[in-house]
Amino acid sequence: MMIIRSPRAPLYLPGTAFIALLFLTPAALAQQQQPGQDQSQQAQQPLPQQPAANAPASAQSKPEEQNREQKIQTQVEKTGTSNDRLFYALPNFLTIENAGQIPPLTAGGKFKVVARGSFDYVEFAWYAALSGISQAENSESGYGQGAEGYLKRYGTAFADGTIENFMTSAVLPSLLHTDPRYYQMGQGGFWHRAGYAVSRIFVTRTDSGGGQFNYSEIIGSALSAGVSTYSYHPESDRTFRNSLSVWGSQVVYDTLTFILKEFWPDIRRHISKK
């Protein structure tokens, strides 16, 4: 799994994103053409011409969006990863749209893309915000308050998210020869696609293209929760119960993130049209 996160972040953050999906996605899906109809029209139409400088914004948005999607697809076909960003900010480098012939990820490639996302500039601002919320709620009170308490929360939040990213998307996928990328379904109704996204928590692809239980996600998130809880968090929080709670929270985060990854291309096209 590859997305900005912290196991001890408030669950209402991804919950808010999911609620937004419920409102945005039906509108985005309603504006789409039927898949067969859309493909036949694309096959018959010539490549879009560059709009004139004085053309209306609505006339320019379609070529711009097509150009953006073409760049994403070219990057995927060349490297097997993406340069896309959720809501144009959050790293979305392991999501594959319109999957065709794409290169497999080597062990080195898995570590490289996870490092690129884990240390992306947005990560630093994200963990700063999460640490501020954590300090305001005085979670893990052993850290105290003030600048020292905030810096401790910031460091542990960053470490928690980075360890989880590497465990679930690089270390275990390399050992188990599984593919950490999310392959978007892209067609069908909202609940059908949402169900598919949720199922990816438990089912993943192997490097050879087969399917298997997603040990990397379930075991990887459990290992990262245990490592972080028992190594550098306050002693008062080093309990088995707390470790289980972090594990469960992380799986919920990743489930909601998969749903967001599934529908983001539809939302992106909807925003572009607007």
C-alpha atoms as a PDB file:
ATOM      1  CA  MET A   1       0.000   0.000   0.000  1.00  0.00           C
ATOM      2  CA  MET A   2       1.351   3.389  -0.881  1.00  0.00           C
ATOM      3  CA  ILE A   3      -0.240   6.547   0.437  1.00  0.00           C
ATOM      4  CA  ILE A   4       0.437   9.196   3.030  1.00  0.00           C
ATOM      5  CA  ARG A   5      -0.597   7.895   6.415  1.00  0.00           C
ATOM      6  CA  SER A   6       0.084   7.549  10.107  1.00  0.00           C
ATOM      7  CA  PRO A   7      -1.280   4.583  12.094  1.00  0.00           C
ATOM      8  CA  ARG A   8      -2.123   6.792  15.055  1.00  0.00           C
ATOM      9  CA  ALA A   9      -3.814   9.570  13.078  1.00  0.00           C
ATOM     10  CA  PRO A  10      -7.500  10.283  13.777  1.00  0.00           C
ATOM     11  CA  LEU A  11      -9.774   8.027  11.747  1.00  0.00           C
ATOM     12  CA  TYR A  12     -12.117  10.878  10.890  1.00  0.00           C
ATOM     13  CA  LEU A  13      -9.572  12.138   8.342  1.00  0.00           C
ATOM     14  CA  PRO A  14      -9.951   9.256   5.851  1.00  0.00           C
ATOM     15  CA  GLY A  15     -13.601   8.998   6.865  1.00  0.00           C
ATOM     16  CA  THR A  16     -14.136  12.559   5.663  1.00  0.00           C
ATOM     17  CA  ALA A  17     -12.465  11.705   2.366  1.00  0.00           C
ATOM     18  CA  PHE A  18     -14.761   8.693   1.945  1.00  0.00           C
ATOM     19  CA  ILE A  19     -17.869  10.810   2.603  1.00  0.00           C
ATOM     20  CA  ALA A  20     -16.639  13.259  -0.038  1.00  0.00           C
ATOM     21  CA  LEU A  21     -16.329  10.322  -2.433  1.00  0.00           C
ATOM     22  CA  LEU A  22     -19.990   9.447  -1.902  1.00  0.00           C
ATOM     23  CA  PHE A  23     -20.955  12.908  -3.147  1.00  0.00           C
ATOM     24  CA  LEU A  24     -18.358  13.454  -5.875  1.00  0.00           C
ATOM     25  CA  THR A  25     -18.213  10.042  -7.538  1.00  0.00           C
ATOM     26  CA  PRO A  26     -21.884   9.612  -8.603  1.00  0.00           C
ATOM     27  CA  ALA A  27     -21.730  13.004 -10.317  1.00  0.00           C
ATOM     28  CA  ALA A  28     -18.490  12.051 -12.037  1.00  0.00           C
ATOM     29  CA  LEU A  29     -19.813   8.660 -13.143  1.00  0.00           C
ATOM     30  CA  ALA A  30     -23.063  10.182 -14.406  1.00  0.00           C
ATOM     31  CA  GLN A  31     -21.153  12.326 -16.887  1.00  0.00           C
ATOM     32  CA  GLN A  32     -19.239   9.425 -18.367  1.00  0.00           C
ATOM     33  CA  GLN A  33     -20.286   7.851 -21.635  1.00  0.00           C
ATOM     34  CA  GLN A  34     -20.905   4.141 -22.026  1.00  0.00           C
ATOM     35  CA  PRO A  35     -17.507   2.351 -22.270  1.00  0.00           C
ATOM     36  CA  GLY A  36     -18.135   0.856 -25.702  1.00  0.00           C
ATOM     37  CA  GLN A  37     -19.522   4.103 -27.015  1.00  0.00           C
ATOM     38  CA  ASP A  38     -16.613   6.100 -25.661  1.00  0.00           C
ATOM     39  CA  GLN A  39     -13.976   3.767 -27.128  1.00  0.00           C
ATOM     40  CA  SER A  40     -15.585   3.727 -30.583  1.00  0.00           C
ATOM     41  CA  GLN A  41     -15.779   7.508 -30.629  1.00  0.00           C
ATOM     42  CA  GLN A  42     -12.150   7.819 -29.560  1.00  0.00           C
ATOM     43  CA  ALA A  43     -11.124   5.422 -32.352  1.00  0.00           C
ATOM     44  CA  GLN A  44     -12.933   7.547 -34.961  1.00  0.00           C
ATOM     45  CA  GLN A  45     -11.830  10.954 -33.730  1.00  0.00           C
ATOM     46  CA  PRO A  46      -8.488  12.496 -34.761  1.00  0.00           C
ATOM     47  CA  LEU A  47      -6.019  13.625 -32.136  1.00  0.00           C
ATOM     48  CA  PRO A  48      -7.157  16.872 -30.464  1.00  0.00           C
ATOM     49  CA  GLN A  49      -5.687  20.065 -31.848  1.00  0.00           C
ATOM     50  CA  GLN A  50      -4.181  22.719 -29.632  1.00  0.00           C
ATOM     51  CA  PRO A  51      -6.994  25.216 -28.850  1.00  0.00           C
ATOM     52  CA  ALA A  52      -6.596  28.827 -29.764  1.00  0.00           C
ATOM     53  CA  ALA A  53      -5.489  31.237 -27.054  1.00  0.00           C
ATOM     54  CA  ASN A  54      -8.866  32.981 -27.083  1.00  0.00           C
ATOM     55  CA  ALA A  55     -10.881  29.726 -26.968  1.00  0.00           C
ATOM     56  CA  PRO A  56     -13.287  29.283 -24.034  1.00  0.00           C
ATOM     57  CA  ALA A  57     -11.906  27.536 -20.941  1.00  0.00           C
ATOM     58  CA  SER A  58     -14.361  24.657 -21.421  1.00  0.00           C
ATOM     59  CA  ALA A  59     -12.945  24.010 -24.915  1.00  0.00           C
ATOM     60  CA  GLN A  60      -9.397  23.985 -23.578  1.00  0.00           C
ATOM     61  CA  SER A  61     -10.034  21.726 -20.572  1.00  0.00           C
ATOM     62  CA  LYS A  62     -10.661  18.553 -22.575  1.00  0.00           C
ATOM     63  CA  PRO A  63      -7.337  18.577 -24.516  1.00  0.00           C
ATOM     64  CA  GLU A  64      -5.501  19.504 -21.311  1.00  0.00           C
ATOM     65  CA  GLU A  65      -7.034  16.568 -19.452  1.00  0.00           C
ATOM     66  CA  GLN A  66      -6.291  14.222 -22.358  1.00  0.00           C
ATOM     67  CA  ASN A  67      -2.702  15.421 -22.353  1.00  0.00           C
ATOM     68  CA  ARG A  68      -2.446  14.844 -18.590  1.00  0.00           C
ATOM     69  CA  GLU A  69      -3.840  11.325 -18.871  1.00  0.00           C
ATOM     70  CA  GLN A  70      -1.538  10.554 -21.810  1.00  0.00           C
ATOM     71  CA  LYS A  71       1.473  11.597 -19.718  1.00  0.00           C
ATOM     72  CA  ILE A  72       0.300   9.350 -16.876  1.00  0.00           C
ATOM     73  CA  GLN A  73      -0.175   6.416 -19.262  1.00  0.00           C
ATOM     74  CA  THR A  74       3.218   6.948 -20.891  1.00  0.00           C
ATOM     75  CA  GLN A  75       4.916   6.953 -17.501  1.00  0.00           C
ATOM     76  CA  VAL A  76       3.104   3.735 -16.516  1.00  0.00           C
ATOM     77  CA  GLU A  77       4.032   1.937 -19.723  1.00  0.00           C
ATOM     78  CA  LYS A  78       7.667   3.016 -19.439  1.00  0.00           C
ATOM     79  CA  THR A  79       8.387   2.434 -15.737  1.00  0.00           C
ATOM     80  CA  GLY A  80       5.429   0.485 -14.342  1.00  0.00           C
ATOM     81  CA  THR A  81       4.694   3.326 -11.911  1.00  0.00           C
ATOM     82  CA  SER A  82       2.799   6.600 -12.114  1.00  0.00           C
ATOM     83  CA  ASN A  83       3.467  10.287 -11.485  1.00  0.00           C
ATOM     84  CA  ASP A  84      -0.180  10.889 -10.602  1.00  0.00           C
ATOM     85  CA  ARG A  85      -1.238  12.632  -7.391  1.00  0.00           C
ATOM     86  CA  LEU A  86      -4.521  12.302  -5.520  1.00  0.00           C
ATOM     87  CA  PHE A  87      -6.243  15.688  -5.553  1.00  0.00           C
ATOM     88  CA  TYR A  88      -3.142  16.931  -7.418  1.00  0.00           C
ATOM     89  CA  ALA A  89      -1.067  16.717  -4.217  1.00  0.00           C
ATOM     90  CA  LEU A  90      -0.878  13.312  -2.502  1.00  0.00           C
ATOM     91  CA  PRO A  91       1.556  10.778  -4.042  1.00  0.00           C
ATOM     92  CA  ASN A  92      -0.307   8.142  -6.051  1.00  0.00           C
ATOM     93  CA  PHE A  93       2.673   6.487  -7.699  1.00  0.00           C
ATOM     94  CA  LEU A  94       1.538   2.859  -7.313  1.00  0.00           C
ATOM     95  CA  THR A  95      -1.888   3.173  -8.933  1.00  0.00           C
ATOM     96  CA  ILE A  96      -2.269   1.789 -12.457  1.00  0.00           C
ATOM     97  CA  GLU A  97      -5.016   3.122 -14.747  1.00  0.00           C
ATOM     98  CA  ASN A  98      -6.025   1.350 -17.967  1.00  0.00           C
ATOM     99  CA  ALA A  99      -3.544  -1.454 -17.302  1.00  0.00           C
ATOM    100  CA  GLY A 100      -2.146  -2.985 -20.463  1.00  0.00           C
ATOM    101  CA  GLN A 101       1.355  -4.210 -21.174  1.00  0.00           C
ATOM    102  CA  ILE A 102       3.339  -2.755 -18.299  1.00  0.00           C
ATOM    103  CA  PRO A 103       6.731  -3.845 -16.988  1.00  0.00           C
ATOM    104  CA  PRO A 104       6.888  -5.826 -13.727  1.00  0.00           C
ATOM    105  CA  LEU A 105       8.464  -4.202 -10.695  1.00  0.00           C
ATOM    106  CA  THR A 106      11.787  -5.583  -9.567  1.00  0.00           C
ATOM    107  CA  ALA A 107      12.674  -5.679  -5.876  1.00  0.00           C
ATOM    108  CA  GLY A 108      14.814  -2.603  -6.424  1.00  0.00           C
ATOM    109  CA  GLY A 109      11.965  -0.894  -8.253  1.00  0.00           C
ATOM    110  CA  LYS A 110       9.590  -1.540  -5.350  1.00  0.00           C
ATOM    111  CA  PHE A 111      11.969   0.033  -2.858  1.00  0.00           C
ATOM    112  CA  LYS A 112      12.662   2.954  -5.184  1.00  0.00           C
ATOM    113  CA  VAL A 113       9.028   3.944  -5.734  1.00  0.00           C
ATOM    114  CA  VAL A 114       8.177   3.528  -2.040  1.00  0.00           C
ATOM    115  CA  ALA A 115      11.093   5.769  -1.089  1.00  0.00           C
ATOM    116  CA  ARG A 116       9.985   8.332  -3.693  1.00  0.00           C
ATOM    117  CA  GLY A 117       6.510   8.483  -2.193  1.00  0.00           C
ATOM    118  CA  SER A 118       7.504   8.204   1.470  1.00  0.00           C
ATOM    119  CA  PHE A 119       9.882  11.168   1.300  1.00  0.00           C
ATOM    120  CA  ASP A 120       7.807  13.274  -1.067  1.00  0.00           C
ATOM    121  CA  TYR A 121       7.555  16.935  -0.064  1.00  0.00           C
ATOM    122  CA  VAL A 122       3.839  16.560   0.722  1.00  0.00           C
ATOM    123  CA  GLU A 123       4.671  13.993   3.393  1.00  0.00           C
ATOM    124  CA  PHE A 124       6.405  16.568   5.561  1.00  0.00           C
ATOM    125  CA  ALA A 125       3.385  18.891   5.599  1.00  0.00           C
ATOM    126  CA  TRP A 126       0.998  15.951   6.139  1.00  0.00           C
ATOM    127  CA  TYR A 127       2.813  14.673   9.215  1.00  0.00           C
ATOM    128  CA  ALA A 128       3.147  18.204  10.538  1.00  0.00           C
ATOM    129  CA  ALA A 129      -0.652  18.544  10.408  1.00  0.00           C
ATOM    130  CA  LEU A 130      -1.224  15.123  11.991  1.00  0.00           C
ATOM    131  CA  SER A 131       1.221  15.924  14.770  1.00  0.00           C
ATOM    132  CA  GLY A 132      -0.584  19.187  15.471  1.00  0.00           C
ATOM    133  CA  ILE A 133      -3.899  17.335  15.797  1.00  0.00           C
ATOM    134  CA  SER A 134      -2.262  14.725  18.017  1.00  0.00           C
ATOM    135  CA  GLN A 135      -0.794  17.411  20.264  1.00  0.00           C
ATOM    136  CA  ALA A 136      -4.112  19.251  20.521  1.00  0.00           C
ATOM    137  CA  GLU A 137      -5.798  15.996  21.600  1.00  0.00           C
ATOM    138  CA  ASN A 138      -2.821  15.180  23.891  1.00  0.00           C
ATOM    139  CA  SER A 139      -2.674  11.665  22.477  1.00  0.00           C
ATOM    140  CA  GLU A 140       0.259   9.648  23.771  1.00  0.00           C
ATOM    141  CA  SER A 141       0.511  12.014  26.727  1.00  0.00           C
ATOM    142  CA  GLY A 142       3.950  10.655  27.606  1.00  0.00           C
ATOM    143  CA  TYR A 143       5.371  13.007  25.003  1.00  0.00           C
ATOM    144  CA  GLY A 144       4.168  16.050  26.921  1.00  0.00           C
ATOM    145  CA  GLN A 145       3.349  19.423  25.387  1.00  0.00           C
ATOM    146  CA  GLY A 146       5.283  22.349  23.985  1.00  0.00           C
ATOM    147  CA  ALA A 147       7.838  22.282  21.183  1.00  0.00           C
ATOM    148  CA  GLU A 148       9.561  19.162  22.497  1.00  0.00           C
ATOM    149  CA  GLY A 149       6.313  17.212  22.646  1.00  0.00           C
ATOM    150  CA  TYR A 150       5.386  18.315  19.129  1.00  0.00           C
ATOM    151  CA  LEU A 151       8.757  17.311  17.672  1.00  0.00           C
ATOM    152  CA  LYS A 152       8.506  13.881  19.296  1.00  0.00           C
ATOM    153  CA  ARG A 153       5.040  13.378  17.844  1.00  0.00           C
ATOM    154  CA  TYR A 154       6.234  14.555  14.437  1.00  0.00           C
ATOM    155  CA  GLY A 155       9.196  12.187  14.421  1.00  0.00           C
ATOM    156  CA  THR A 156       7.180   9.158  15.511  1.00  0.00           C
ATOM    157  CA  ALA A 157       4.341   9.904  13.065  1.00  0.00           C
ATOM    158  CA  PHE A 158       6.805  10.137  10.193  1.00  0.00           C
ATOM    159  CA  ALA A 159       8.558   6.953  11.296  1.00  0.00           C
ATOM    160  CA  ASP A 160       5.244   5.081  11.718  1.00  0.00           C
ATOM    161  CA  GLY A 161       4.060   5.918   8.223  1.00  0.00           C
ATOM    162  CA  THR A 162       7.412   5.268   6.569  1.00  0.00           C
ATOM    163  CA  ILE A 163       7.884   1.877   8.240  1.00  0.00           C
ATOM    164  CA  GLU A 164       4.361   0.827   7.241  1.00  0.00           C
ATOM    165  CA  ASN A 165       4.894   1.967   3.661  1.00  0.00           C
ATOM    166  CA  PHE A 166       8.089  -0.019   3.291  1.00  0.00           C
ATOM    167  CA  MET A 167       6.733  -3.122   5.040  1.00  0.00           C
ATOM    168  CA  THR A 168       3.553  -3.411   2.960  1.00  0.00           C
ATOM    169  CA  SER A 169       4.822  -2.125  -0.395  1.00  0.00           C
ATOM    170  CA  ALA A 170       8.513  -3.010  -0.589  1.00  0.00           C
ATOM    171  CA  VAL A 171       9.898  -5.460   2.005  1.00  0.00           C
ATOM    172  CA  LEU A 172       7.195  -8.158   2.017  1.00  0.00           C
ATOM    173  CA  PRO A 173       6.268  -7.774  -1.679  1.00  0.00           C
ATOM    174  CA  SER A 174       9.940  -8.355  -2.518  1.00  0.00           C
ATOM    175  CA  LEU A 175      10.191 -11.408  -0.260  1.00  0.00           C
ATOM    176  CA  LEU A 176       6.839 -12.870  -1.344  1.00  0.00           C
ATOM    177  CA  HIS A 177       7.127 -11.845  -5.027  1.00  0.00           C
ATOM    178  CA  THR A 178       3.853  -9.912  -5.004  1.00  0.00           C
ATOM    179  CA  ASP A 179       2.898  -6.752  -6.875  1.00  0.00           C
ATOM    180  CA  PRO A 180       2.238  -3.762  -4.542  1.00  0.00           C
ATOM    181  CA  ARG A 181       0.485  -1.719  -7.235  1.00  0.00           C
ATOM    182  CA  TYR A 182      -3.244  -0.965  -7.217  1.00  0.00           C
ATOM    183  CA  TYR A 183      -4.904  -1.822 -10.551  1.00  0.00           C
ATOM    184  CA  GLN A 184      -7.961   0.347 -11.059  1.00  0.00           C
ATOM    185  CA  MET A 185     -11.089  -1.439 -12.301  1.00  0.00           C
ATOM    186  CA  GLY A 186     -12.391   1.711 -13.985  1.00  0.00           C
ATOM    187  CA  GLN A 187     -15.788   0.348 -15.156  1.00  0.00           C
ATOM    188  CA  GLY A 188     -19.087  -0.499 -13.499  1.00  0.00           C
ATOM    189  CA  GLY A 189     -21.276   1.059 -10.847  1.00  0.00           C
ATOM    190  CA  PHE A 190     -20.109   2.716  -7.666  1.00  0.00           C
ATOM    191  CA  TRP A 191     -20.789  -0.163  -5.272  1.00  0.00           C
ATOM    192  CA  HIS A 192     -19.350  -2.773  -7.631  1.00  0.00           C
ATOM    193  CA  ARG A 193     -16.115  -0.852  -7.952  1.00  0.00           C
ATOM    194  CA  ALA A 194     -16.040   0.009  -4.250  1.00  0.00           C
ATOM    195  CA  GLY A 195     -16.394  -3.706  -3.465  1.00  0.00           C
ATOM    196  CA  TYR A 196     -13.493  -4.476  -5.770  1.00  0.00           C
ATOM    197  CA  ALA A 197     -11.365  -1.833  -4.045  1.00  0.00           C
ATOM    198  CA  VAL A 198     -12.128  -3.254  -0.597  1.00  0.00           C
ATOM    199  CA  SER A 199     -11.281  -6.773  -1.791  1.00  0.00           C
ATOM    200  CA  ARG A 200      -7.748  -5.632  -2.701  1.00  0.00           C
ATOM    201  CA  ILE A 201      -6.959  -5.534   1.020  1.00  0.00           C
ATOM    202  CA  PHE A 202      -7.229  -9.333   1.006  1.00  0.00           C
ATOM    203  CA  VAL A 203      -6.325 -10.217  -2.593  1.00  0.00           C
ATOM    204  CA  THR A 204      -3.272  -9.063  -4.530  1.00  0.00           C
ATOM    205  CA  ARG A 205      -1.365  -9.903  -7.690  1.00  0.00           C
ATOM    206  CA  THR A 206       1.839 -11.871  -7.824  1.00  0.00           C
ATOM    207  CA  ASP A 207       4.796 -10.674  -9.880  1.00  0.00           C
ATOM    208  CA  SER A 208       3.856 -13.276 -12.499  1.00  0.00           C
ATOM    209  CA  GLY A 209       0.283 -11.935 -12.780  1.00  0.00           C
ATOM    210  CA  GLY A 210      -1.575 -14.501 -10.674  1.00  0.00           C
ATOM    211  CA  GLY A 211      -3.622 -13.875  -7.567  1.00  0.00           C
ATOM    212  CA  GLN A 212      -3.005 -14.678  -3.920  1.00  0.00           C
ATOM    213  CA  PHE A 213      -3.955 -13.609  -0.398  1.00  0.00           C
ATOM    214  CA  ASN A 214      -2.524 -10.193   0.411  1.00  0.00           C
ATOM    215  CA  TYR A 215      -0.044 -11.240   3.112  1.00  0.00           C
ATOM    216  CA  SER A 216       1.958  -8.089   2.416  1.00  0.00           C
ATOM    217  CA  GLU A 217      -0.908  -5.870   3.555  1.00  0.00           C
ATOM    218  CA  ILE A 218      -2.277  -7.883   6.478  1.00  0.00           C
ATOM    219  CA  ILE A 219       1.008  -9.160   7.913  1.00  0.00           C
ATOM    220  CA  GLY A 220       3.047  -6.124   6.851  1.00  0.00           C
ATOM    221  CA  SER A 221       0.766  -3.671   8.659  1.00  0.00           C
ATOM    222  CA  ALA A 222       0.769  -5.931  11.739  1.00  0.00           C
ATOM    223  CA  LEU A 223       4.574  -6.095  11.773  1.00  0.00           C
ATOM    224  CA  SER A 224       4.940  -2.354  11.329  1.00  0.00           C
ATOM    225  CA  ALA A 225       2.446  -1.713  14.159  1.00  0.00           C
ATOM    226  CA  GLY A 226       4.402  -4.023  16.474  1.00  0.00           C
ATOM    227  CA  VAL A 227       7.812  -2.613  15.543  1.00  0.00           C
ATOM    228  CA  SER A 228       6.787   1.006  16.052  1.00  0.00           C
ATOM    229  CA  THR A 229       4.743   0.409  19.215  1.00  0.00           C
ATOM    230  CA  TYR A 230       7.410  -1.525  21.075  1.00  0.00           C
ATOM    231  CA  SER A 231      10.503   0.369  19.936  1.00  0.00           C
ATOM    232  CA  TYR A 232      10.177   4.153  20.196  1.00  0.00           C
ATOM    233  CA  HIS A 233       6.697   5.060  21.488  1.00  0.00           C
ATOM    234  CA  PRO A 234       6.176   6.005  25.163  1.00  0.00           C
ATOM    235  CA  GLU A 235       6.441   3.066  27.567  1.00  0.00           C
ATOM    236  CA  SER A 236       2.877   3.584  28.756  1.00  0.00           C
ATOM    237  CA  ASP A 237       1.651   2.884  25.214  1.00  0.00           C
ATOM    238  CA  ARG A 238       3.710  -0.264  24.654  1.00  0.00           C
ATOM    239  CA  THR A 239       0.866  -2.713  25.086  1.00  0.00           C
ATOM    240  CA  PHE A 240      -0.464  -5.547  22.983  1.00  0.00           C
ATOM    241  CA  ARG A 241      -3.881  -3.919  22.965  1.00  0.00           C
ATOM    242  CA  ASN A 242      -2.475  -0.683  21.583  1.00  0.00           C
ATOM    243  CA  SER A 243      -0.542  -2.589  18.926  1.00  0.00           C
ATOM    244  CA  LEU A 244      -3.750  -4.334  17.815  1.00  0.00           C
ATOM    245  CA  SER A 245      -5.558  -0.999  17.719  1.00  0.00           C
ATOM    246  CA  VAL A 246      -2.862   0.513  15.483  1.00  0.00           C
ATOM    247  CA  TRP A 247      -2.989  -2.523  13.210  1.00  0.00           C
ATOM    248  CA  GLY A 248      -6.756  -2.275  12.838  1.00  0.00           C
ATOM    249  CA  SER A 249      -6.600   1.465  12.233  1.00  0.00           C
ATOM    250  CA  GLN A 250      -3.996   0.975   9.535  1.00  0.00           C
ATOM    251  CA  VAL A 251      -6.069  -1.614   7.682  1.00  0.00           C
ATOM    252  CA  VAL A 252      -9.056   0.771   7.779  1.00  0.00           C
ATOM    253  CA  TYR A 253      -6.863   3.580   6.378  1.00  0.00           C
ATOM    254  CA  ASP A 254      -5.612   1.393   3.571  1.00  0.00           C
ATOM    255  CA  THR A 255      -9.130   0.180   2.715  1.00  0.00           C
ATOM    256  CA  LEU A 256     -10.433   3.734   2.380  1.00  0.00           C
ATOM    257  CA  THR A 257      -7.337   4.675   0.405  1.00  0.00           C
ATOM    258  CA  PHE A 258      -7.965   1.871  -2.102  1.00  0.00           C
ATOM    259  CA  ILE A 259     -11.501   3.195  -2.617  1.00  0.00           C
ATOM    260  CA  LEU A 260     -10.111   6.686  -3.171  1.00  0.00           C
ATOM    261  CA  LYS A 261      -7.569   5.327  -5.666  1.00  0.00           C
ATOM    262  CA  GLU A 262     -10.342   3.537  -7.584  1.00  0.00           C
ATOM    263  CA  PHE A 263     -12.461   6.640  -8.117  1.00  0.00           C
ATOM    264  CA  TRP A 264      -9.852   9.379  -8.286  1.00  0.00           C
ATOM    265  CA  PRO A 265      -9.504   9.247 -12.132  1.00  0.00           C
ATOM    266  CA  ASP A 266     -13.282   9.770 -12.455  1.00  0.00           C
ATOM    267  CA  ILE A 267     -13.197  12.666 -10.008  1.00  0.00           C
ATOM    268  CA  ARG A 268     -10.169  14.147 -11.762  1.00  0.00           C
ATOM    269  CA  ARG A 269     -11.968  14.151 -15.115  1.00  0.00           C
ATOM    270  CA  HIS A 270     -15.068  15.615 -13.467  1.00  0.00           C
ATOM    271  CA  ILE A 271     -13.025  18.437 -11.920  1.00  0.00           C
ATOM    272  CA  SER A 272     -11.337  19.109 -15.256  1.00  0.00           C
ATOM    273  CA  LYS A 273     -14.677  19.487 -17.008  1.00  0.00           C
ATOM    274  CA  LYS A 274     -15.853  21.897 -14.351  1.00  0.00           C
END
